[in-house]
Amino acid sequence: MRMPRDEAIARIKKSIEKSYSAKGAEIVQQNCAAVDASIANLHEIKLPAKADGARTVPLPVAGDAPGFVRDVLGSMRGVDDDVH
């Protein structure tokens, strides 16, 4: 069962107050404002009903990155040699 949105937000803010009240009202207000800003910027992402396997994964290192980045850091992040 899902919790109503307003109740969830109230509980988050109550938890913030409990956790940060010793640091002062301004810190509590800043954290609550961050929650409000996050909620204001939420948007729905439409997903297909079924995955089609046509997924593109961005490379962790750009193909035109300097040699050191491609060869050393790229290998640490799992980039194949054919990225050059």
PDB file of N, CA and C in Angstrom:
ATOM      1  N   MET A   1       0.841  -1.181   0.000  1.00  0.00           N
ATOM      2  CA  MET A   1       0.000   0.000   0.000  1.00  0.00           C
ATOM      3  C   MET A   1       0.886   1.244   0.000  1.00  0.00           C
ATOM      4  N   ARG A   2       0.578   2.179  -0.868  1.00  0.00           N
ATOM      5  CA  ARG A   2       1.363   3.410  -0.970  1.00  0.00           C
ATOM      6  C   ARG A   2       0.916   4.430   0.057  1.00  0.00           C
ATOM      7  N   MET A   3       1.884   5.165   0.560  1.00  0.00           N
ATOM      8  CA  MET A   3       1.599   6.255   1.480  1.00  0.00           C
ATOM      9  C   MET A   3       1.175   7.468   0.664  1.00  0.00           C
ATOM     10  N   PRO A   4       0.185   8.199   1.114  1.00  0.00           N
ATOM     11  CA  PRO A   4      -0.202   9.424   0.401  1.00  0.00           C
ATOM     12  C   PRO A   4       0.980  10.395   0.305  1.00  0.00           C
ATOM     13  N   ARG A   5       1.064  11.068  -0.827  1.00  0.00           N
ATOM     14  CA  ARG A   5       2.180  11.975  -1.105  1.00  0.00           C
ATOM     15  C   ARG A   5       2.392  13.006   0.000  1.00  0.00           C
ATOM     16  N   ASP A   6       1.322  13.673   0.430  1.00  0.00           N
ATOM     17  CA  ASP A   6       1.455  14.714   1.453  1.00  0.00           C
ATOM     18  C   ASP A   6       1.960  14.158   2.771  1.00  0.00           C
ATOM     19  N   GLU A   7       1.518  12.968   3.102  1.00  0.00           N
ATOM     20  CA  GLU A   7       1.985  12.335   4.341  1.00  0.00           C
ATOM     21  C   GLU A   7       3.464  11.987   4.248  1.00  0.00           C
ATOM     22  N   ALA A   8       3.878  11.477   3.100  1.00  0.00           N
ATOM     23  CA  ALA A   8       5.287  11.130   2.905  1.00  0.00           C
ATOM     24  C   ALA A   8       6.174  12.363   3.032  1.00  0.00           C
ATOM     25  N   ILE A   9       5.761  13.461   2.410  1.00  0.00           N
ATOM     26  CA  ILE A   9       6.538  14.703   2.478  1.00  0.00           C
ATOM     27  C   ILE A   9       6.600  15.206   3.910  1.00  0.00           C
ATOM     28  N   ALA A  10       5.481  15.151   4.622  1.00  0.00           N
ATOM     29  CA  ALA A  10       5.455  15.592   6.028  1.00  0.00           C
ATOM     30  C   ALA A  10       6.395  14.740   6.872  1.00  0.00           C
ATOM     31  N   ARG A  11       6.434  13.445   6.621  1.00  0.00           N
ATOM     32  CA  ARG A  11       7.324  12.568   7.387  1.00  0.00           C
ATOM     33  C   ARG A  11       8.795  12.847   7.075  1.00  0.00           C
ATOM     34  N   ILE A  12       9.094  13.104   5.828  1.00  0.00           N
ATOM     35  CA  ILE A  12      10.470  13.444   5.455  1.00  0.00           C
ATOM     36  C   ILE A  12      10.903  14.715   6.178  1.00  0.00           C
ATOM     37  N   LYS A  13      10.051  15.720   6.166  1.00  0.00           N
ATOM     38  CA  LYS A  13      10.397  16.992   6.809  1.00  0.00           C
ATOM     39  C   LYS A  13      10.488  16.842   8.326  1.00  0.00           C
ATOM     40  N   LYS A  14       9.658  15.997   8.912  1.00  0.00           N
ATOM     41  CA  LYS A  14       9.730  15.744  10.352  1.00  0.00           C
ATOM     42  C   LYS A  14      11.062  15.069  10.684  1.00  0.00           C
ATOM     43  N   SER A  15      11.480  14.146   9.826  1.00  0.00           N
ATOM     44  CA  SER A  15      12.760  13.473  10.018  1.00  0.00           C
ATOM     45  C   SER A  15      13.921  14.462   9.895  1.00  0.00           C
ATOM     46  N   ILE A  16      13.813  15.375   8.949  1.00  0.00           N
ATOM     47  CA  ILE A  16      14.838  16.411   8.789  1.00  0.00           C
ATOM     48  C   ILE A  16      14.916  17.249  10.058  1.00  0.00           C
ATOM     49  N   GLU A  17      13.773  17.639  10.569  1.00  0.00           N
ATOM     50  CA  GLU A  17      13.752  18.456  11.786  1.00  0.00           C
ATOM     51  C   GLU A  17      14.384  17.711  12.950  1.00  0.00           C
ATOM     52  N   LYS A  18      14.066  16.435  13.074  1.00  0.00           N
ATOM     53  CA  LYS A  18      14.623  15.629  14.156  1.00  0.00           C
ATOM     54  C   LYS A  18      16.142  15.486  14.013  1.00  0.00           C
ATOM     55  N   SER A  19      16.595  15.250  12.789  1.00  0.00           N
ATOM     56  CA  SER A  19      18.017  15.016  12.540  1.00  0.00           C
ATOM     57  C   SER A  19      18.877  16.273  12.632  1.00  0.00           C
ATOM     58  N   TYR A  20      18.326  17.429  12.217  1.00  0.00           N
ATOM     59  CA  TYR A  20      19.151  18.628  12.077  1.00  0.00           C
ATOM     60  C   TYR A  20      18.782  19.780  13.006  1.00  0.00           C
ATOM     61  N   SER A  21      17.823  19.600  13.880  1.00  0.00           N
ATOM     62  CA  SER A  21      17.392  20.706  14.733  1.00  0.00           C
ATOM     63  C   SER A  21      18.520  21.215  15.623  1.00  0.00           C
ATOM     64  N   ALA A  22      19.437  20.355  16.018  1.00  0.00           N
ATOM     65  CA  ALA A  22      20.560  20.787  16.853  1.00  0.00           C
ATOM     66  C   ALA A  22      21.505  21.720  16.097  1.00  0.00           C
ATOM     67  N   LYS A  23      21.468  21.671  14.790  1.00  0.00           N
ATOM     68  CA  LYS A  23      22.337  22.532  13.976  1.00  0.00           C
ATOM     69  C   LYS A  23      21.709  23.893  13.710  1.00  0.00           C
ATOM     70  N   GLY A  24      20.446  24.054  14.086  1.00  0.00           N
ATOM     71  CA  GLY A  24      19.787  25.348  13.946  1.00  0.00           C
ATOM     72  C   GLY A  24      18.651  25.340  12.946  1.00  0.00           C
ATOM     73  N   ALA A  25      17.775  26.317  13.129  1.00  0.00           N
ATOM     74  CA  ALA A  25      16.575  26.427  12.293  1.00  0.00           C
ATOM     75  C   ALA A  25      16.915  26.671  10.825  1.00  0.00           C
ATOM     76  N   GLU A  26      17.978  27.409  10.559  1.00  0.00           N
ATOM     77  CA  GLU A  26      18.338  27.708   9.169  1.00  0.00           C
ATOM     78  C   GLU A  26      18.713  26.431   8.410  1.00  0.00           C
ATOM     79  N   ILE A  27      19.430  25.530   9.068  1.00  0.00           N
ATOM     80  CA  ILE A  27      19.810  24.259   8.435  1.00  0.00           C
ATOM     81  C   ILE A  27      18.561  23.426   8.152  1.00  0.00           C
ATOM     82  N   VAL A  28      17.642  23.403   9.112  1.00  0.00           N
ATOM     83  CA  VAL A  28      16.385  22.674   8.918  1.00  0.00           C
ATOM     84  C   VAL A  28      15.632  23.270   7.736  1.00  0.00           C
ATOM     85  N   GLN A  29      15.543  24.590   7.673  1.00  0.00           N
ATOM     86  CA  GLN A  29      14.833  25.262   6.571  1.00  0.00           C
ATOM     87  C   GLN A  29      15.492  24.962   5.226  1.00  0.00           C
ATOM     88  N   GLN A  30      16.813  24.976   5.185  1.00  0.00           N
ATOM     89  CA  GLN A  30      17.520  24.701   3.936  1.00  0.00           C
ATOM     90  C   GLN A  30      17.249  23.280   3.444  1.00  0.00           C
ATOM     91  N   ASN A  31      17.238  22.331   4.367  1.00  0.00           N
ATOM     92  CA  ASN A  31      16.964  20.940   3.983  1.00  0.00           C
ATOM     93  C   ASN A  31      15.524  20.768   3.532  1.00  0.00           C
ATOM     94  N   CYS A  32      14.593  21.405   4.209  1.00  0.00           N
ATOM     95  CA  CYS A  32      13.187  21.330   3.794  1.00  0.00           C
ATOM     96  C   CYS A  32      12.993  22.007   2.437  1.00  0.00           C
ATOM     97  N   ALA A  33      13.711  23.096   2.207  1.00  0.00           N
ATOM     98  CA  ALA A  33      13.645  23.766   0.907  1.00  0.00           C
ATOM     99  C   ALA A  33      14.204  22.863  -0.191  1.00  0.00           C
ATOM    100  N   ALA A  34      15.227  22.072   0.142  1.00  0.00           N
ATOM    101  CA  ALA A  34      15.787  21.134  -0.829  1.00  0.00           C
ATOM    102  C   ALA A  34      14.757  20.055  -1.186  1.00  0.00           C
ATOM    103  N   VAL A  35      13.998  19.603  -0.199  1.00  0.00           N
ATOM    104  CA  VAL A  35      12.932  18.632  -0.458  1.00  0.00           C
ATOM    105  C   VAL A  35      11.891  19.259  -1.383  1.00  0.00           C
ATOM    106  N   ASP A  36      11.477  20.491  -1.074  1.00  0.00           N
ATOM    107  CA  ASP A  36      10.477  21.170  -1.903  1.00  0.00           C
ATOM    108  C   ASP A  36      10.976  21.371  -3.335  1.00  0.00           C
ATOM    109  N   ALA A  37      12.243  21.758  -3.476  1.00  0.00           N
ATOM    110  CA  ALA A  37      12.813  21.964  -4.813  1.00  0.00           C
ATOM    111  C   ALA A  37      12.878  20.651  -5.582  1.00  0.00           C
ATOM    112  N   SER A  38      13.221  19.578  -4.891  1.00  0.00           N
ATOM    113  CA  SER A  38      13.268  18.267  -5.542  1.00  0.00           C
ATOM    114  C   SER A  38      11.892  17.862  -6.038  1.00  0.00           C
ATOM    115  N   ILE A  39      10.889  18.057  -5.210  1.00  0.00           N
ATOM    116  CA  ILE A  39       9.519  17.700  -5.586  1.00  0.00           C
ATOM    117  C   ILE A  39       9.053  18.556  -6.761  1.00  0.00           C
ATOM    118  N   ALA A  40       9.403  19.832  -6.734  1.00  0.00           N
ATOM    119  CA  ALA A  40       8.993  20.740  -7.809  1.00  0.00           C
ATOM    120  C   ALA A  40       9.615  20.351  -9.150  1.00  0.00           C
ATOM    121  N   ASN A  41      10.756  19.657  -9.104  1.00  0.00           N
ATOM    122  CA  ASN A  41      11.454  19.298 -10.342  1.00  0.00           C
ATOM    123  C   ASN A  41      11.300  17.842 -10.740  1.00  0.00           C
ATOM    124  N   LEU A  42      10.411  17.125 -10.080  1.00  0.00           N
ATOM    125  CA  LEU A  42      10.142  15.746 -10.482  1.00  0.00           C
ATOM    126  C   LEU A  42       9.355  15.736 -11.782  1.00  0.00           C
ATOM    127  N   HIS A  43       9.619  14.757 -12.606  1.00  0.00           N
ATOM    128  CA  HIS A  43       8.831  14.583 -13.818  1.00  0.00           C
ATOM    129  C   HIS A  43       8.738  13.095 -14.143  1.00  0.00           C
ATOM    130  N   GLU A  44       7.671  12.737 -14.796  1.00  0.00           N
ATOM    131  CA  GLU A  44       7.422  11.346 -15.122  1.00  0.00           C
ATOM    132  C   GLU A  44       8.266  10.927 -16.316  1.00  0.00           C
ATOM    133  N   ILE A  45       8.762   9.725 -16.230  1.00  0.00           N
ATOM    134  CA  ILE A  45       9.514   9.129 -17.328  1.00  0.00           C
ATOM    135  C   ILE A  45       8.700   7.961 -17.852  1.00  0.00           C
ATOM    136  N   LYS A  46       8.352   8.024 -19.110  1.00  0.00           N
ATOM    137  CA  LYS A  46       7.563   6.956 -19.728  1.00  0.00           C
ATOM    138  C   LYS A  46       8.481   5.787 -20.076  1.00  0.00           C
ATOM    139  N   LEU A  47       8.085   4.609 -19.663  1.00  0.00           N
ATOM    140  CA  LEU A  47       8.835   3.402 -19.971  1.00  0.00           C
ATOM    141  C   LEU A  47       7.996   2.508 -20.864  1.00  0.00           C
ATOM    142  N   PRO A  48       8.650   1.796 -21.769  1.00  0.00           N
ATOM    143  CA  PRO A  48       7.881   0.874 -22.604  1.00  0.00           C
ATOM    144  C   PRO A  48       7.341  -0.273 -21.753  1.00  0.00           C
ATOM    145  N   ALA A  49       6.272  -0.877 -22.199  1.00  0.00           N
ATOM    146  CA  ALA A  49       5.675  -1.999 -21.469  1.00  0.00           C
ATOM    147  C   ALA A  49       6.629  -3.188 -21.428  1.00  0.00           C
ATOM    148  N   LYS A  50       7.438  -3.319 -22.472  1.00  0.00           N
ATOM    149  CA  LYS A  50       8.376  -4.432 -22.548  1.00  0.00           C
ATOM    150  C   LYS A  50       9.697  -3.940 -23.115  1.00  0.00           C
ATOM    151  N   ALA A  51      10.794  -4.400 -22.542  1.00  0.00           N
ATOM    152  CA  ALA A  51      12.113  -4.017 -23.046  1.00  0.00           C
ATOM    153  C   ALA A  51      12.337  -4.647 -24.411  1.00  0.00           C
ATOM    154  N   ASP A  52      12.913  -3.874 -25.337  1.00  0.00           N
ATOM    155  CA  ASP A  52      13.151  -4.396 -26.684  1.00  0.00           C
ATOM    156  C   ASP A  52      14.612  -4.759 -26.925  1.00  0.00           C
ATOM    157  N   GLY A  53      15.458  -4.536 -25.950  1.00  0.00           N
ATOM    158  CA  GLY A  53      16.872  -4.878 -26.076  1.00  0.00           C
ATOM    159  C   GLY A  53      17.678  -3.856 -26.848  1.00  0.00           C
ATOM    160  N   ALA A  54      17.072  -2.808 -27.337  1.00  0.00           N
ATOM    161  CA  ALA A  54      17.774  -1.776 -28.111  1.00  0.00           C
ATOM    162  C   ALA A  54      18.205  -0.648 -27.189  1.00  0.00           C
ATOM    163  N   ARG A  55      19.098  -0.963 -26.283  1.00  0.00           N
ATOM    164  CA  ARG A  55      19.539   0.018 -25.310  1.00  0.00           C
ATOM    165  C   ARG A  55      20.928   0.520 -25.677  1.00  0.00           C
ATOM    166  N   THR A  56      21.135   1.794 -25.610  1.00  0.00           N
ATOM    167  CA  THR A  56      22.429   2.380 -25.885  1.00  0.00           C
ATOM    168  C   THR A  56      23.055   2.805 -24.569  1.00  0.00           C
ATOM    169  N   VAL A  57      24.245   2.304 -24.309  1.00  0.00           N
ATOM    170  CA  VAL A  57      24.956   2.642 -23.079  1.00  0.00           C
ATOM    171  C   VAL A  57      26.057   3.628 -23.434  1.00  0.00           C
ATOM    172  N   PRO A  58      26.046   4.818 -22.839  1.00  0.00           N
ATOM    173  CA  PRO A  58      27.101   5.782 -23.151  1.00  0.00           C
ATOM    174  C   PRO A  58      28.450   5.300 -22.629  1.00  0.00           C
ATOM    175  N   LEU A  59      29.482   5.603 -23.381  1.00  0.00           N
ATOM    176  CA  LEU A  59      30.831   5.229 -22.972  1.00  0.00           C
ATOM    177  C   LEU A  59      31.259   6.059 -21.767  1.00  0.00           C
ATOM    178  N   PRO A  60      31.946   5.448 -20.792  1.00  0.00           N
ATOM    179  CA  PRO A  60      32.398   6.219 -19.643  1.00  0.00           C
ATOM    180  C   PRO A  60      33.569   7.140 -19.971  1.00  0.00           C
ATOM    181  N   VAL A  61      34.241   6.905 -21.118  1.00  0.00           N
ATOM    182  CA  VAL A  61      35.351   7.745 -21.553  1.00  0.00           C
ATOM    183  C   VAL A  61      35.098   8.107 -23.014  1.00  0.00           C
ATOM    184  N   ALA A  62      35.170   9.378 -23.327  1.00  0.00           N
ATOM    185  CA  ALA A  62      34.944   9.823 -24.703  1.00  0.00           C
ATOM    186  C   ALA A  62      36.002   9.250 -25.632  1.00  0.00           C
ATOM    187  N   GLY A  63      35.604   8.920 -26.849  1.00  0.00           N
ATOM    188  CA  GLY A  63      36.524   8.359 -27.825  1.00  0.00           C
ATOM    189  C   GLY A  63      37.664   9.293 -28.197  1.00  0.00           C
ATOM    190  N   ASP A  64      37.443  10.598 -28.065  1.00  0.00           N
ATOM    191  CA  ASP A  64      38.501  11.560 -28.406  1.00  0.00           C
ATOM    192  C   ASP A  64      39.260  12.040 -27.179  1.00  0.00           C
ATOM    193  N   ALA A  65      39.140  11.323 -26.064  1.00  0.00           N
ATOM    194  CA  ALA A  65      39.866  11.688 -24.847  1.00  0.00           C
ATOM    195  C   ALA A  65      41.361  11.452 -25.072  1.00  0.00           C
ATOM    196  N   PRO A  66      42.210  12.146 -24.319  1.00  0.00           N
ATOM    197  CA  PRO A  66      43.657  11.930 -24.443  1.00  0.00           C
ATOM    198  C   PRO A  66      44.021  10.466 -24.176  1.00  0.00           C
ATOM    199  N   GLY A  67      45.154  10.044 -24.729  1.00  0.00           N
ATOM    200  CA  GLY A  67      45.589   8.658 -24.623  1.00  0.00           C
ATOM    201  C   GLY A  67      45.588   8.112 -23.202  1.00  0.00           C
ATOM    202  N   PHE A  68      46.121   8.881 -22.268  1.00  0.00           N
ATOM    203  CA  PHE A  68      46.175   8.421 -20.876  1.00  0.00           C
ATOM    204  C   PHE A  68      44.778   8.142 -20.344  1.00  0.00           C
ATOM    205  N   VAL A  69      43.871   9.038 -20.615  1.00  0.00           N
ATOM    206  CA  VAL A  69      42.501   8.869 -20.121  1.00  0.00           C
ATOM    207  C   VAL A  69      41.882   7.624 -20.732  1.00  0.00           C
ATOM    208  N   ARG A  70      42.027   7.465 -22.058  1.00  0.00           N
ATOM    209  CA  ARG A  70      41.457   6.293 -22.733  1.00  0.00           C
ATOM    210  C   ARG A  70      42.101   5.002 -22.250  1.00  0.00           C
ATOM    211  N   ASP A  71      43.456   4.975 -22.262  1.00  0.00           N
ATOM    212  CA  ASP A  71      44.183   3.733 -22.009  1.00  0.00           C
ATOM    213  C   ASP A  71      44.196   3.327 -20.549  1.00  0.00           C
ATOM    214  N   VAL A  72      44.423   4.269 -19.676  1.00  0.00           N
ATOM    215  CA  VAL A  72      44.561   3.922 -18.261  1.00  0.00           C
ATOM    216  C   VAL A  72      43.224   4.032 -17.545  1.00  0.00           C
ATOM    217  N   LEU A  73      42.657   5.211 -17.545  1.00  0.00           N
ATOM    218  CA  LEU A  73      41.394   5.388 -16.824  1.00  0.00           C
ATOM    219  C   LEU A  73      40.266   4.626 -17.504  1.00  0.00           C
ATOM    220  N   GLY A  74      40.281   4.585 -18.828  1.00  0.00           N
ATOM    221  CA  GLY A  74      39.250   3.847 -19.547  1.00  0.00           C
ATOM    222  C   GLY A  74      39.267   2.374 -19.206  1.00  0.00           C
ATOM    223  N   SER A  75      40.459   1.781 -19.113  1.00  0.00           N
ATOM    224  CA  SER A  75      40.537   0.361 -18.769  1.00  0.00           C
ATOM    225  C   SER A  75      40.081   0.121 -17.338  1.00  0.00           C
ATOM    226  N   MET A  76      40.318   1.090 -16.463  1.00  0.00           N
ATOM    227  CA  MET A  76      39.850   0.961 -15.079  1.00  0.00           C
ATOM    228  C   MET A  76      38.326   0.994 -15.011  1.00  0.00           C
ATOM    229  N   ARG A  77      37.703   1.679 -15.960  1.00  0.00           N
ATOM    230  CA  ARG A  77      36.242   1.808 -15.975  1.00  0.00           C
ATOM    231  C   ARG A  77      35.586   0.810 -16.912  1.00  0.00           C
ATOM    232  N   GLY A  78      36.385  -0.103 -17.483  1.00  0.00           N
ATOM    233  CA  GLY A  78      35.812  -1.170 -18.290  1.00  0.00           C
ATOM    234  C   GLY A  78      35.575  -0.821 -19.738  1.00  0.00           C
ATOM    235  N   VAL A  79      36.348   0.108 -20.288  1.00  0.00           N
ATOM    236  CA  VAL A  79      36.193   0.484 -21.689  1.00  0.00           C
ATOM    237  C   VAL A  79      37.092  -0.403 -22.534  1.00  0.00           C
ATOM    238  N   ASP A  80      36.546  -0.949 -23.626  1.00  0.00           N
ATOM    239  CA  ASP A  80      37.315  -1.784 -24.527  1.00  0.00           C
ATOM    240  C   ASP A  80      38.318  -0.960 -25.316  1.00  0.00           C
ATOM    241  N   ASP A  81      39.349  -1.626 -25.827  1.00  0.00           N
ATOM    242  CA  ASP A  81      40.375  -0.942 -26.609  1.00  0.00           C
ATOM    243  C   ASP A  81      39.871  -0.350 -27.907  1.00  0.00           C
ATOM    244  N   ASP A  82      38.754  -0.839 -28.433  1.00  0.00           N
ATOM    245  CA  ASP A  82      38.275  -0.360 -29.725  1.00  0.00           C
ATOM    246  C   ASP A  82      37.574   1.002 -29.628  1.00  0.00           C
ATOM    247  N   VAL A  83      37.658   1.669 -28.498  1.00  0.00           N
ATOM    248  CA  VAL A  83      37.039   2.988 -28.338  1.00  0.00           C
ATOM    249  C   VAL A  83      37.884   4.059 -28.987  1.00  0.00           C
ATOM    250  N   HIS A  84      39.181   3.833 -29.152  1.00  0.00           N
ATOM    251  CA  HIS A  84      40.100   4.857 -29.673  1.00  0.00           C
ATOM    252  C   HIS A  84      39.538   5.463 -30.876  1.00  0.00           C
TER     253      HIS A  84
END
